[in-house]
Amino acid sequence: MITLFNDPFFKTLDSVFETNRLQRLPETKVNKNETSYNVSMSVPGLSKEDLKISTKEGVLKISYEKDEKEESYQFTESFSKQYRIPDDVREKDIEGKVENGVLTITLPIDKKKSLERLISLN
């Protein structure tokens, strides 16, 4: 027996109004090559002035917030993503750019920090 509230149409409609659906996080890719880690994030319609990128205590934070206020409505749009910065990254040399709706952040690898060494046990 199908009741009105178990109908798939209403389940889909309810999911549209869930608060976590209204605050979508941008699609992000993280890649590593021999010289750097690269973070690419889809940010269509945003410019470098719209984004805030910071590092603190080994964490890279990327955020955006827009707050529009009119007499008849208030609209707030935002996101925030954080990534732990690997130990082999030179934090002072991290660079970023926004081009064609894609934010690219380059985290250069410090070869001196990334060398593996064996530890002898006593």
PDB file of N, CA and C in Angstrom:
ATOM      1  N   MET A   1       0.836  -1.173   0.000  1.00  0.00           N
ATOM      2  CA  MET A   1       0.000   0.000   0.000  1.00  0.00           C
ATOM      3  C   MET A   1       0.887   1.244   0.000  1.00  0.00           C
ATOM      4  N   ILE A   2       0.677   2.138  -0.931  1.00  0.00           N
ATOM      5  CA  ILE A   2       1.451   3.374  -1.018  1.00  0.00           C
ATOM      6  C   ILE A   2       0.650   4.495  -0.375  1.00  0.00           C
ATOM      7  N   THR A   3       1.263   5.130   0.606  1.00  0.00           N
ATOM      8  CA  THR A   3       0.616   6.295   1.202  1.00  0.00           C
ATOM      9  C   THR A   3       1.154   7.545   0.532  1.00  0.00           C
ATOM     10  N   LEU A   4       0.468   8.628   0.738  1.00  0.00           N
ATOM     11  CA  LEU A   4       0.828   9.885   0.085  1.00  0.00           C
ATOM     12  C   LEU A   4       2.254  10.308   0.434  1.00  0.00           C
ATOM     13  N   PHE A   5       2.653  10.145   1.697  1.00  0.00           N
ATOM     14  CA  PHE A   5       3.965  10.637   2.119  1.00  0.00           C
ATOM     15  C   PHE A   5       5.110   9.687   1.774  1.00  0.00           C
ATOM     16  N   ASN A   6       4.799   8.468   1.396  1.00  0.00           N
ATOM     17  CA  ASN A   6       5.838   7.540   0.949  1.00  0.00           C
ATOM     18  C   ASN A   6       6.040   7.598  -0.555  1.00  0.00           C
ATOM     19  N   ASP A   7       5.250   8.395  -1.226  1.00  0.00           N
ATOM     20  CA  ASP A   7       5.363   8.549  -2.675  1.00  0.00           C
ATOM     21  C   ASP A   7       6.728   9.152  -3.008  1.00  0.00           C
ATOM     22  N   PRO A   8       7.451   8.595  -3.974  1.00  0.00           N
ATOM     23  CA  PRO A   8       8.779   9.109  -4.330  1.00  0.00           C
ATOM     24  C   PRO A   8       8.788  10.591  -4.698  1.00  0.00           C
ATOM     25  N   PHE A   9       7.705  11.095  -5.248  1.00  0.00           N
ATOM     26  CA  PHE A   9       7.642  12.514  -5.595  1.00  0.00           C
ATOM     27  C   PHE A   9       7.855  13.389  -4.363  1.00  0.00           C
ATOM     28  N   PHE A  10       7.191  13.041  -3.266  1.00  0.00           N
ATOM     29  CA  PHE A  10       7.300  13.851  -2.059  1.00  0.00           C
ATOM     30  C   PHE A  10       8.661  13.706  -1.399  1.00  0.00           C
ATOM     31  N   LYS A  11       9.270  12.540  -1.498  1.00  0.00           N
ATOM     32  CA  LYS A  11      10.619  12.370  -0.950  1.00  0.00           C
ATOM     33  C   LYS A  11      11.602  13.261  -1.699  1.00  0.00           C
ATOM     34  N   THR A  12      11.480  13.323  -3.008  1.00  0.00           N
ATOM     35  CA  THR A  12      12.346  14.190  -3.812  1.00  0.00           C
ATOM     36  C   THR A  12      12.105  15.644  -3.474  1.00  0.00           C
ATOM     37  N   LEU A  13      10.861  16.023  -3.332  1.00  0.00           N
ATOM     38  CA  LEU A  13      10.521  17.405  -3.000  1.00  0.00           C
ATOM     39  C   LEU A  13      11.076  17.788  -1.639  1.00  0.00           C
ATOM     40  N   ASP A  14      10.969  16.897  -0.652  1.00  0.00           N
ATOM     41  CA  ASP A  14      11.518  17.175   0.676  1.00  0.00           C
ATOM     42  C   ASP A  14      13.023  17.374   0.625  1.00  0.00           C
ATOM     43  N   SER A  15      13.720  16.589  -0.186  1.00  0.00           N
ATOM     44  CA  SER A  15      15.174  16.694  -0.240  1.00  0.00           C
ATOM     45  C   SER A  15      15.626  18.038  -0.819  1.00  0.00           C
ATOM     46  N   VAL A  16      14.788  18.670  -1.637  1.00  0.00           N
ATOM     47  CA  VAL A  16      15.139  19.977  -2.198  1.00  0.00           C
ATOM     48  C   VAL A  16      15.209  21.021  -1.099  1.00  0.00           C
ATOM     49  N   PHE A  17      14.383  20.876  -0.069  1.00  0.00           N
ATOM     50  CA  PHE A  17      14.302  21.889   0.971  1.00  0.00           C
ATOM     51  C   PHE A  17      15.183  21.608   2.187  1.00  0.00           C
ATOM     52  N   GLU A  18      15.939  20.557   2.165  1.00  0.00           N
ATOM     53  CA  GLU A  18      16.870  20.293   3.256  1.00  0.00           C
ATOM     54  C   GLU A  18      17.931  21.380   3.272  1.00  0.00           C
ATOM     55  N   THR A  19      18.294  21.868   4.462  1.00  0.00           N
ATOM     56  CA  THR A  19      19.242  22.983   4.559  1.00  0.00           C
ATOM     57  C   THR A  19      20.618  22.613   4.041  1.00  0.00           C
ATOM     58  N   ASN A  20      21.052  21.378   4.215  1.00  0.00           N
ATOM     59  CA  ASN A  20      22.385  21.019   3.726  1.00  0.00           C
ATOM     60  C   ASN A  20      22.428  20.986   2.203  1.00  0.00           C
ATOM     61  N   ARG A  21      21.302  20.835   1.537  1.00  0.00           N
ATOM     62  CA  ARG A  21      21.263  20.863   0.080  1.00  0.00           C
ATOM     63  C   ARG A  21      21.401  22.298  -0.426  1.00  0.00           C
ATOM     64  N   LEU A  22      20.935  23.269   0.352  1.00  0.00           N
ATOM     65  CA  LEU A  22      20.985  24.660  -0.081  1.00  0.00           C
ATOM     66  C   LEU A  22      22.392  25.229   0.024  1.00  0.00           C
ATOM     67  N   GLN A  23      23.208  24.641   0.862  1.00  0.00           N
ATOM     68  CA  GLN A  23      24.584  25.105   1.016  1.00  0.00           C
ATOM     69  C   GLN A  23      25.508  24.060   0.392  1.00  0.00           C
ATOM     70  N   ARG A  24      25.666  24.117  -0.888  1.00  0.00           N
ATOM     71  CA  ARG A  24      26.499  23.154  -1.611  1.00  0.00           C
ATOM     72  C   ARG A  24      27.964  23.568  -1.551  1.00  0.00           C
ATOM     73  N   LEU A  25      28.822  22.579  -1.432  1.00  0.00           N
ATOM     74  CA  LEU A  25      30.256  22.838  -1.460  1.00  0.00           C
ATOM     75  C   LEU A  25      30.756  22.682  -2.884  1.00  0.00           C
ATOM     76  N   PRO A  26      31.673  23.533  -3.287  1.00  0.00           N
ATOM     77  CA  PRO A  26      32.197  23.437  -4.649  1.00  0.00           C
ATOM     78  C   PRO A  26      32.949  22.124  -4.877  1.00  0.00           C
ATOM     79  N   GLU A  27      32.900  21.652  -6.108  1.00  0.00           N
ATOM     80  CA  GLU A  27      33.645  20.443  -6.468  1.00  0.00           C
ATOM     81  C   GLU A  27      35.135  20.743  -6.383  1.00  0.00           C
ATOM     82  N   THR A  28      35.881  19.856  -5.752  1.00  0.00           N
ATOM     83  CA  THR A  28      37.299  20.075  -5.507  1.00  0.00           C
ATOM     84  C   THR A  28      38.102  18.841  -5.888  1.00  0.00           C
ATOM     85  N   LYS A  29      39.275  19.080  -6.476  1.00  0.00           N
ATOM     86  CA  LYS A  29      40.216  17.999  -6.782  1.00  0.00           C
ATOM     87  C   LYS A  29      41.562  18.363  -6.170  1.00  0.00           C
ATOM     88  N   VAL A  30      42.213  17.373  -5.578  1.00  0.00           N
ATOM     89  CA  VAL A  30      43.554  17.563  -5.022  1.00  0.00           C
ATOM     90  C   VAL A  30      44.465  16.552  -5.693  1.00  0.00           C
ATOM     91  N   ASN A  31      45.526  17.045  -6.310  1.00  0.00           N
ATOM     92  CA  ASN A  31      46.498  16.184  -6.991  1.00  0.00           C
ATOM     93  C   ASN A  31      47.894  16.469  -6.461  1.00  0.00           C
ATOM     94  N   LYS A  32      48.761  15.478  -6.595  1.00  0.00           N
ATOM     95  CA  LYS A  32      50.153  15.640  -6.193  1.00  0.00           C
ATOM     96  C   LYS A  32      51.040  15.234  -7.354  1.00  0.00           C
ATOM     97  N   ASN A  33      52.069  16.051  -7.608  1.00  0.00           N
ATOM     98  CA  ASN A  33      53.097  15.644  -8.567  1.00  0.00           C
ATOM     99  C   ASN A  33      54.446  15.727  -7.848  1.00  0.00           C
ATOM    100  N   GLU A  34      55.554  15.660  -8.577  1.00  0.00           N
ATOM    101  CA  GLU A  34      56.876  15.643  -7.944  1.00  0.00           C
ATOM    102  C   GLU A  34      57.226  16.939  -7.228  1.00  0.00           C
ATOM    103  N   THR A  35      56.649  18.062  -7.662  1.00  0.00           N
ATOM    104  CA  THR A  35      57.052  19.359  -7.111  1.00  0.00           C
ATOM    105  C   THR A  35      55.998  20.046  -6.252  1.00  0.00           C
ATOM    106  N   SER A  36      54.729  19.598  -6.329  1.00  0.00           N
ATOM    107  CA  SER A  36      53.694  20.316  -5.580  1.00  0.00           C
ATOM    108  C   SER A  36      52.409  19.511  -5.411  1.00  0.00           C
ATOM    109  N   TYR A  37      51.602  19.978  -4.467  1.00  0.00           N
ATOM    110  CA  TYR A  37      50.219  19.543  -4.341  1.00  0.00           C
ATOM    111  C   TYR A  37      49.403  20.636  -5.036  1.00  0.00           C
ATOM    112  N   ASN A  38      48.362  20.246  -5.760  1.00  0.00           N
ATOM    113  CA  ASN A  38      47.542  21.215  -6.468  1.00  0.00           C
ATOM    114  C   ASN A  38      46.084  21.012  -6.096  1.00  0.00           C
ATOM    115  N   VAL A  39      45.450  22.097  -5.637  1.00  0.00           N
ATOM    116  CA  VAL A  39      44.039  22.072  -5.287  1.00  0.00           C
ATOM    117  C   VAL A  39      43.302  22.845  -6.365  1.00  0.00           C
ATOM    118  N   SER A  40      42.335  22.211  -7.012  1.00  0.00           N
ATOM    119  CA  SER A  40      41.502  22.870  -8.010  1.00  0.00           C
ATOM    120  C   SER A  40      40.064  22.847  -7.511  1.00  0.00           C
ATOM    121  N   MET A  41      39.412  24.015  -7.518  1.00  0.00           N
ATOM    122  CA  MET A  41      38.058  24.131  -7.001  1.00  0.00           C
ATOM    123  C   MET A  41      37.192  24.876  -8.008  1.00  0.00           C
ATOM    124  N   SER A  42      36.027  24.347  -8.295  1.00  0.00           N
ATOM    125  CA  SER A  42      35.089  24.977  -9.213  1.00  0.00           C
ATOM    126  C   SER A  42      34.391  26.137  -8.499  1.00  0.00           C
ATOM    127  N   VAL A  43      34.624  27.371  -8.977  1.00  0.00           N
ATOM    128  CA  VAL A  43      34.024  28.561  -8.372  1.00  0.00           C
ATOM    129  C   VAL A  43      33.452  29.478  -9.462  1.00  0.00           C
ATOM    130  N   PRO A  44      32.520  28.985 -10.275  1.00  0.00           N
ATOM    131  CA  PRO A  44      32.006  29.805 -11.372  1.00  0.00           C
ATOM    132  C   PRO A  44      31.342  31.079 -10.861  1.00  0.00           C
ATOM    133  N   GLY A  45      31.635  32.179 -11.534  1.00  0.00           N
ATOM    134  CA  GLY A  45      31.047  33.463 -11.170  1.00  0.00           C
ATOM    135  C   GLY A  45      31.754  34.193 -10.054  1.00  0.00           C
ATOM    136  N   LEU A  46      32.765  33.581  -9.431  1.00  0.00           N
ATOM    137  CA  LEU A  46      33.493  34.242  -8.340  1.00  0.00           C
ATOM    138  C   LEU A  46      34.827  34.768  -8.849  1.00  0.00           C
ATOM    139  N   SER A  47      35.277  35.845  -8.232  1.00  0.00           N
ATOM    140  CA  SER A  47      36.572  36.419  -8.570  1.00  0.00           C
ATOM    141  C   SER A  47      37.501  36.281  -7.371  1.00  0.00           C
ATOM    142  N   LYS A  48      38.744  36.692  -7.541  1.00  0.00           N
ATOM    143  CA  LYS A  48      39.700  36.586  -6.434  1.00  0.00           C
ATOM    144  C   LYS A  48      39.283  37.473  -5.258  1.00  0.00           C
ATOM    145  N   GLU A  49      38.551  38.538  -5.521  1.00  0.00           N
ATOM    146  CA  GLU A  49      38.089  39.412  -4.446  1.00  0.00           C
ATOM    147  C   GLU A  49      36.990  38.749  -3.607  1.00  0.00           C
ATOM    148  N   ASP A  50      36.271  37.810  -4.190  1.00  0.00           N
ATOM    149  CA  ASP A  50      35.181  37.132  -3.483  1.00  0.00           C
ATOM    150  C   ASP A  50      35.674  36.059  -2.514  1.00  0.00           C
ATOM    151  N   LEU A  51      36.848  35.505  -2.759  1.00  0.00           N
ATOM    152  CA  LEU A  51      37.362  34.372  -2.002  1.00  0.00           C
ATOM    153  C   LEU A  51      38.346  34.813  -0.926  1.00  0.00           C
ATOM    154  N   LYS A  52      38.338  34.108   0.180  1.00  0.00           N
ATOM    155  CA  LYS A  52      39.323  34.336   1.242  1.00  0.00           C
ATOM    156  C   LYS A  52      40.088  33.030   1.425  1.00  0.00           C
ATOM    157  N   ILE A  53      41.413  33.117   1.277  1.00  0.00           N
ATOM    158  CA  ILE A  53      42.265  31.938   1.416  1.00  0.00           C
ATOM    159  C   ILE A  53      43.307  32.254   2.470  1.00  0.00           C
ATOM    160  N   SER A  54      43.423  31.390   3.466  1.00  0.00           N
ATOM    161  CA  SER A  54      44.363  31.656   4.554  1.00  0.00           C
ATOM    162  C   SER A  54      44.971  30.352   5.048  1.00  0.00           C
ATOM    163  N   THR A  55      46.097  30.487   5.749  1.00  0.00           N
ATOM    164  CA  THR A  55      46.717  29.346   6.423  1.00  0.00           C
ATOM    165  C   THR A  55      46.919  29.719   7.884  1.00  0.00           C
ATOM    166  N   LYS A  56      46.677  28.761   8.741  1.00  0.00           N
ATOM    167  CA  LYS A  56      46.902  28.969  10.170  1.00  0.00           C
ATOM    168  C   LYS A  56      47.101  27.616  10.823  1.00  0.00           C
ATOM    169  N   GLU A  57      48.187  27.490  11.555  1.00  0.00           N
ATOM    170  CA  GLU A  57      48.494  26.276  12.311  1.00  0.00           C
ATOM    171  C   GLU A  57      48.405  25.012  11.448  1.00  0.00           C
ATOM    172  N   GLY A  58      48.958  25.093  10.233  1.00  0.00           N
ATOM    173  CA  GLY A  58      49.023  23.935   9.362  1.00  0.00           C
ATOM    174  C   GLY A  58      47.727  23.583   8.653  1.00  0.00           C
ATOM    175  N   VAL A  59      46.791  24.530   8.589  1.00  0.00           N
ATOM    176  CA  VAL A  59      45.513  24.291   7.921  1.00  0.00           C
ATOM    177  C   VAL A  59      45.304  25.345   6.842  1.00  0.00           C
ATOM    178  N   LEU A  60      44.945  24.895   5.650  1.00  0.00           N
ATOM    179  CA  LEU A  60      44.594  25.784   4.538  1.00  0.00           C
ATOM    180  C   LEU A  60      43.083  25.935   4.556  1.00  0.00           C
ATOM    181  N   LYS A  61      42.598  27.174   4.598  1.00  0.00           N
ATOM    182  CA  LYS A  61      41.159  27.429   4.646  1.00  0.00           C
ATOM    183  C   LYS A  61      40.760  28.258   3.432  1.00  0.00           C
ATOM    184  N   ILE A  62      39.733  27.791   2.717  1.00  0.00           N
ATOM    185  CA  ILE A  62      39.188  28.485   1.548  1.00  0.00           C
ATOM    186  C   ILE A  62      37.732  28.793   1.875  1.00  0.00           C
ATOM    187  N   SER A  63      37.358  30.078   1.805  1.00  0.00           N
ATOM    188  CA  SER A  63      35.980  30.422   2.159  1.00  0.00           C
ATOM    189  C   SER A  63      35.433  31.533   1.274  1.00  0.00           C
ATOM    190  N   TYR A  64      34.118  31.629   1.284  1.00  0.00           N
ATOM    191  CA  TYR A  64      33.391  32.623   0.511  1.00  0.00           C
ATOM    192  C   TYR A  64      32.097  32.929   1.245  1.00  0.00           C
ATOM    193  N   GLU A  65      31.739  34.215   1.305  1.00  0.00           N
ATOM    194  CA  GLU A  65      30.455  34.588   1.890  1.00  0.00           C
ATOM    195  C   GLU A  65      29.923  35.811   1.180  1.00  0.00           C
ATOM    196  N   LYS A  66      28.662  35.723   0.802  1.00  0.00           N
ATOM    197  CA  LYS A  66      27.982  36.835   0.148  1.00  0.00           C
ATOM    198  C   LYS A  66      26.679  37.055   0.887  1.00  0.00           C
ATOM    199  N   ASP A  67      26.433  38.286   1.263  1.00  0.00           N
ATOM    200  CA  ASP A  67      25.229  38.616   2.009  1.00  0.00           C
ATOM    201  C   ASP A  67      24.538  39.775   1.309  1.00  0.00           C
ATOM    202  N   GLU A  68      23.401  39.500   0.699  1.00  0.00           N
ATOM    203  CA  GLU A  68      22.625  40.539   0.017  1.00  0.00           C
ATOM    204  C   GLU A  68      21.426  40.899   0.879  1.00  0.00           C
ATOM    205  N   LYS A  69      21.233  42.196   1.095  1.00  0.00           N
ATOM    206  CA  LYS A  69      20.089  42.646   1.876  1.00  0.00           C
ATOM    207  C   LYS A  69      19.293  43.655   1.052  1.00  0.00           C
ATOM    208  N   GLU A  70      18.031  43.377   0.929  1.00  0.00           N
ATOM    209  CA  GLU A  70      17.079  44.285   0.295  1.00  0.00           C
ATOM    210  C   GLU A  70      15.938  44.476   1.289  1.00  0.00           C
ATOM    211  N   GLU A  71      15.066  45.409   1.008  1.00  0.00           N
ATOM    212  CA  GLU A  71      13.935  45.623   1.911  1.00  0.00           C
ATOM    213  C   GLU A  71      13.047  44.392   2.022  1.00  0.00           C
ATOM    214  N   SER A  72      12.853  43.692   0.920  1.00  0.00           N
ATOM    215  CA  SER A  72      11.914  42.574   0.917  1.00  0.00           C
ATOM    216  C   SER A  72      12.544  41.212   1.202  1.00  0.00           C
ATOM    217  N   TYR A  73      13.889  41.110   1.176  1.00  0.00           N
ATOM    218  CA  TYR A  73      14.507  39.802   1.415  1.00  0.00           C
ATOM    219  C   TYR A  73      15.953  39.961   1.875  1.00  0.00           C
ATOM    220  N   GLN A  74      16.474  38.855   2.418  1.00  0.00           N
ATOM    221  CA  GLN A  74      17.904  38.756   2.739  1.00  0.00           C
ATOM    222  C   GLN A  74      18.384  37.412   2.219  1.00  0.00           C
ATOM    223  N   PHE A  75      19.500  37.436   1.494  1.00  0.00           N
ATOM    224  CA  PHE A  75      20.035  36.236   0.869  1.00  0.00           C
ATOM    225  C   PHE A  75      21.483  36.079   1.299  1.00  0.00           C
ATOM    226  N   THR A  76      21.812  34.930   1.862  1.00  0.00           N
ATOM    227  CA  THR A  76      23.188  34.655   2.266  1.00  0.00           C
ATOM    228  C   THR A  76      23.653  33.386   1.574  1.00  0.00           C
ATOM    229  N   GLU A  77      24.817  33.470   0.972  1.00  0.00           N
ATOM    230  CA  GLU A  77      25.416  32.319   0.300  1.00  0.00           C
ATOM    231  C   GLU A  77      26.842  32.199   0.811  1.00  0.00           C
ATOM    232  N   SER A  78      27.268  30.993   1.176  1.00  0.00           N
ATOM    233  CA  SER A  78      28.621  30.843   1.702  1.00  0.00           C
ATOM    234  C   SER A  78      29.079  29.393   1.601  1.00  0.00           C
ATOM    235  N   PHE A  79      30.406  29.228   1.702  1.00  0.00           N
ATOM    236  CA  PHE A  79      30.996  27.908   1.874  1.00  0.00           C
ATOM    237  C   PHE A  79      32.338  28.092   2.548  1.00  0.00           C
ATOM    238  N   SER A  80      32.809  27.027   3.143  1.00  0.00           N
ATOM    239  CA  SER A  80      34.122  27.022   3.772  1.00  0.00           C
ATOM    240  C   SER A  80      34.670  25.603   3.700  1.00  0.00           C
ATOM    241  N   LYS A  81      35.900  25.475   3.224  1.00  0.00           N
ATOM    242  CA  LYS A  81      36.563  24.172   3.153  1.00  0.00           C
ATOM    243  C   LYS A  81      37.939  24.312   3.786  1.00  0.00           C
ATOM    244  N   GLN A  82      38.349  23.282   4.494  1.00  0.00           N
ATOM    245  CA  GLN A  82      39.654  23.285   5.145  1.00  0.00           C
ATOM    246  C   GLN A  82      40.413  22.013   4.806  1.00  0.00           C
ATOM    247  N   TYR A  83      41.720  22.169   4.654  1.00  0.00           N
ATOM    248  CA  TYR A  83      42.603  21.042   4.359  1.00  0.00           C
ATOM    249  C   TYR A  83      43.824  21.137   5.256  1.00  0.00           C
ATOM    250  N   ARG A  84      44.227  20.005   5.811  1.00  0.00           N
ATOM    251  CA  ARG A  84      45.465  19.954   6.579  1.00  0.00           C
ATOM    252  C   ARG A  84      46.617  20.032   5.587  1.00  0.00           C
ATOM    253  N   ILE A  85      47.545  20.948   5.826  1.00  0.00           N
ATOM    254  CA  ILE A  85      48.698  21.128   4.940  1.00  0.00           C
ATOM    255  C   ILE A  85      49.733  20.042   5.271  1.00  0.00           C
ATOM    256  N   PRO A  86      50.163  19.271   4.282  1.00  0.00           N
ATOM    257  CA  PRO A  86      51.179  18.236   4.543  1.00  0.00           C
ATOM    258  C   PRO A  86      52.471  18.851   5.088  1.00  0.00           C
ATOM    259  N   ASP A  87      53.204  18.060   5.867  1.00  0.00           N
ATOM    260  CA  ASP A  87      54.437  18.539   6.506  1.00  0.00           C
ATOM    261  C   ASP A  87      55.517  18.935   5.504  1.00  0.00           C
ATOM    262  N   ASP A  88      55.478  18.381   4.294  1.00  0.00           N
ATOM    263  CA  ASP A  88      56.543  18.666   3.334  1.00  0.00           C
ATOM    264  C   ASP A  88      56.259  19.891   2.440  1.00  0.00           C
ATOM    265  N   VAL A  89      55.289  20.712   2.798  1.00  0.00           N
ATOM    266  CA  VAL A  89      54.940  21.904   2.010  1.00  0.00           C
ATOM    267  C   VAL A  89      55.629  23.143   2.579  1.00  0.00           C
ATOM    268  N   ARG A  90      56.135  23.986   1.656  1.00  0.00           N
ATOM    269  CA  ARG A  90      56.686  25.295   2.046  1.00  0.00           C
ATOM    270  C   ARG A  90      55.517  26.282   2.114  1.00  0.00           C
ATOM    271  N   GLU A  91      54.979  26.492   3.316  1.00  0.00           N
ATOM    272  CA  GLU A  91      53.777  27.314   3.483  1.00  0.00           C
ATOM    273  C   GLU A  91      53.944  28.730   2.950  1.00  0.00           C
ATOM    274  N   LYS A  92      55.116  29.316   3.126  1.00  0.00           N
ATOM    275  CA  LYS A  92      55.315  30.709   2.698  1.00  0.00           C
ATOM    276  C   LYS A  92      55.284  30.873   1.177  1.00  0.00           C
ATOM    277  N   ASP A  93      55.385  29.775   0.430  1.00  0.00           N
ATOM    278  CA  ASP A  93      55.407  29.841  -1.027  1.00  0.00           C
ATOM    279  C   ASP A  93      54.104  29.372  -1.679  1.00  0.00           C
ATOM    280  N   ILE A  94      53.040  29.191  -0.893  1.00  0.00           N
ATOM    281  CA  ILE A  94      51.753  28.773  -1.454  1.00  0.00           C
ATOM    282  C   ILE A  94      51.209  29.907  -2.326  1.00  0.00           C
ATOM    283  N   GLU A  95      50.725  29.546  -3.527  1.00  0.00           N
ATOM    284  CA  GLU A  95      50.192  30.532  -4.470  1.00  0.00           C
ATOM    285  C   GLU A  95      48.826  30.082  -4.961  1.00  0.00           C
ATOM    286  N   GLY A  96      48.021  31.046  -5.399  1.00  0.00           N
ATOM    287  CA  GLY A  96      46.714  30.720  -5.941  1.00  0.00           C
ATOM    288  C   GLY A  96      46.303  31.688  -7.030  1.00  0.00           C
ATOM    289  N   LYS A  97      45.348  31.237  -7.851  1.00  0.00           N
ATOM    290  CA  LYS A  97      44.804  32.095  -8.898  1.00  0.00           C
ATOM    291  C   LYS A  97      43.392  31.626  -9.232  1.00  0.00           C
ATOM    292  N   VAL A  98      42.589  32.553  -9.746  1.00  0.00           N
ATOM    293  CA  VAL A  98      41.250  32.228 -10.224  1.00  0.00           C
ATOM    294  C   VAL A  98      41.220  32.551 -11.703  1.00  0.00           C
ATOM    295  N   GLU A  99      40.849  31.552 -12.504  1.00  0.00           N
ATOM    296  CA  GLU A  99      40.820  31.737 -13.946  1.00  0.00           C
ATOM    297  C   GLU A  99      39.712  30.860 -14.538  1.00  0.00           C
ATOM    298  N   ASN A 100      38.840  31.465 -15.338  1.00  0.00           N
ATOM    299  CA  ASN A 100      37.753  30.743 -16.010  1.00  0.00           C
ATOM    300  C   ASN A 100      36.895  29.919 -15.045  1.00  0.00           C
ATOM    301  N   GLY A 101      36.594  30.480 -13.875  1.00  0.00           N
ATOM    302  CA  GLY A 101      35.730  29.798 -12.917  1.00  0.00           C
ATOM    303  C   GLY A 101      36.379  28.689 -12.129  1.00  0.00           C
ATOM    304  N   VAL A 102      37.710  28.622 -12.161  1.00  0.00           N
ATOM    305  CA  VAL A 102      38.431  27.585 -11.412  1.00  0.00           C
ATOM    306  C   VAL A 102      39.484  28.240 -10.529  1.00  0.00           C
ATOM    307  N   LEU A 103      39.423  27.951  -9.232  1.00  0.00           N
ATOM    308  CA  LEU A 103      40.449  28.379  -8.290  1.00  0.00           C
ATOM    309  C   LEU A 103      41.516  27.296  -8.263  1.00  0.00           C
ATOM    310  N   THR A 104      42.773  27.692  -8.469  1.00  0.00           N
ATOM    311  CA  THR A 104      43.889  26.754  -8.418  1.00  0.00           C
ATOM    312  C   THR A 104      44.864  27.230  -7.351  1.00  0.00           C
ATOM    313  N   ILE A 105      45.150  26.367  -6.396  1.00  0.00           N
ATOM    314  CA  ILE A 105      46.116  26.681  -5.342  1.00  0.00           C
ATOM    315  C   ILE A 105      47.256  25.683  -5.458  1.00  0.00           C
ATOM    316  N   THR A 106      48.485  26.210  -5.501  1.00  0.00           N
ATOM    317  CA  THR A 106      49.679  25.377  -5.614  1.00  0.00           C
ATOM    318  C   THR A 106      50.419  25.407  -4.289  1.00  0.00           C
ATOM    319  N   LEU A 107      50.665  24.239  -3.733  1.00  0.00           N
ATOM    320  CA  LEU A 107      51.401  24.087  -2.480  1.00  0.00           C
ATOM    321  C   LEU A 107      52.727  23.406  -2.810  1.00  0.00           C
ATOM    322  N   PRO A 108      53.825  24.180  -2.932  1.00  0.00           N
ATOM    323  CA  PRO A 108      55.107  23.594  -3.341  1.00  0.00           C
ATOM    324  C   PRO A 108      55.685  22.666  -2.277  1.00  0.00           C
ATOM    325  N   ILE A 109      56.271  21.585  -2.755  1.00  0.00           N
ATOM    326  CA  ILE A 109      56.886  20.604  -1.859  1.00  0.00           C
ATOM    327  C   ILE A 109      58.330  21.001  -1.587  1.00  0.00           C
ATOM    328  N   ASP A 110      58.697  20.972  -0.324  1.00  0.00           N
ATOM    329  CA  ASP A 110      60.071  21.230   0.090  1.00  0.00           C
ATOM    330  C   ASP A 110      60.790  19.889   0.125  1.00  0.00           C
ATOM    331  N   LYS A 111      61.670  19.668  -0.843  1.00  0.00           N
ATOM    332  CA  LYS A 111      62.368  18.377  -0.956  1.00  0.00           C
ATOM    333  C   LYS A 111      63.167  18.042   0.295  1.00  0.00           C
ATOM    334  N   LYS A 112      63.677  19.061   0.981  1.00  0.00           N
ATOM    335  CA  LYS A 112      64.465  18.806   2.191  1.00  0.00           C
ATOM    336  C   LYS A 112      63.608  18.170   3.280  1.00  0.00           C
ATOM    337  N   LYS A 113      62.359  18.600   3.394  1.00  0.00           N
ATOM    338  CA  LYS A 113      61.472  18.055   4.408  1.00  0.00           C
ATOM    339  C   LYS A 113      60.937  16.682   4.030  1.00  0.00           C
ATOM    340  N   SER A 114      60.864  16.395   2.738  1.00  0.00           N
ATOM    341  CA  SER A 114      60.218  15.163   2.303  1.00  0.00           C
ATOM    342  C   SER A 114      61.160  13.963   2.190  1.00  0.00           C
ATOM    343  N   LEU A 115      62.427  14.142   2.504  1.00  0.00           N
ATOM    344  CA  LEU A 115      63.361  13.020   2.425  1.00  0.00           C
ATOM    345  C   LEU A 115      63.036  12.004   3.523  1.00  0.00           C
ATOM    346  N   GLU A 116      63.067  10.754   3.141  1.00  0.00           N
ATOM    347  CA  GLU A 116      62.821   9.686   4.107  1.00  0.00           C
ATOM    348  C   GLU A 116      64.148   9.250   4.695  1.00  0.00           C
ATOM    349  N   ARG A 117      64.151   9.013   5.980  1.00  0.00           N
ATOM    350  CA  ARG A 117      65.362   8.478   6.590  1.00  0.00           C
ATOM    351  C   ARG A 117      64.956   7.394   7.572  1.00  0.00           C
ATOM    352  N   LEU A 118      65.827   6.441   7.727  1.00  0.00           N
ATOM    353  CA  LEU A 118      65.570   5.356   8.657  1.00  0.00           C
ATOM    354  C   LEU A 118      66.029   5.749  10.047  1.00  0.00           C
ATOM    355  N   ILE A 119      65.256   5.365  11.006  1.00  0.00           N
ATOM    356  CA  ILE A 119      65.572   5.640  12.414  1.00  0.00           C
ATOM    357  C   ILE A 119      66.027   4.331  13.034  1.00  0.00           C
ATOM    358  N   SER A 120      67.218   4.343  13.606  1.00  0.00           N
ATOM    359  CA  SER A 120      67.689   3.126  14.253  1.00  0.00           C
ATOM    360  C   SER A 120      67.138   3.063  15.684  1.00  0.00           C
ATOM    361  N   LEU A 121      66.796   1.879  16.066  1.00  0.00           N
ATOM    362  CA  LEU A 121      66.245   1.679  17.410  1.00  0.00           C
ATOM    363  C   LEU A 121      67.340   1.195  18.336  1.00  0.00           C
ATOM    364  N   ASN A 122      67.335   1.669  19.577  1.00  0.00           N
ATOM    365  CA  ASN A 122      68.319   1.259  20.579  1.00  0.00           C
ATOM    366  C   ASN A 122      67.851   0.041  21.321  1.00  0.00           C
TER     367      ASN A 122
END
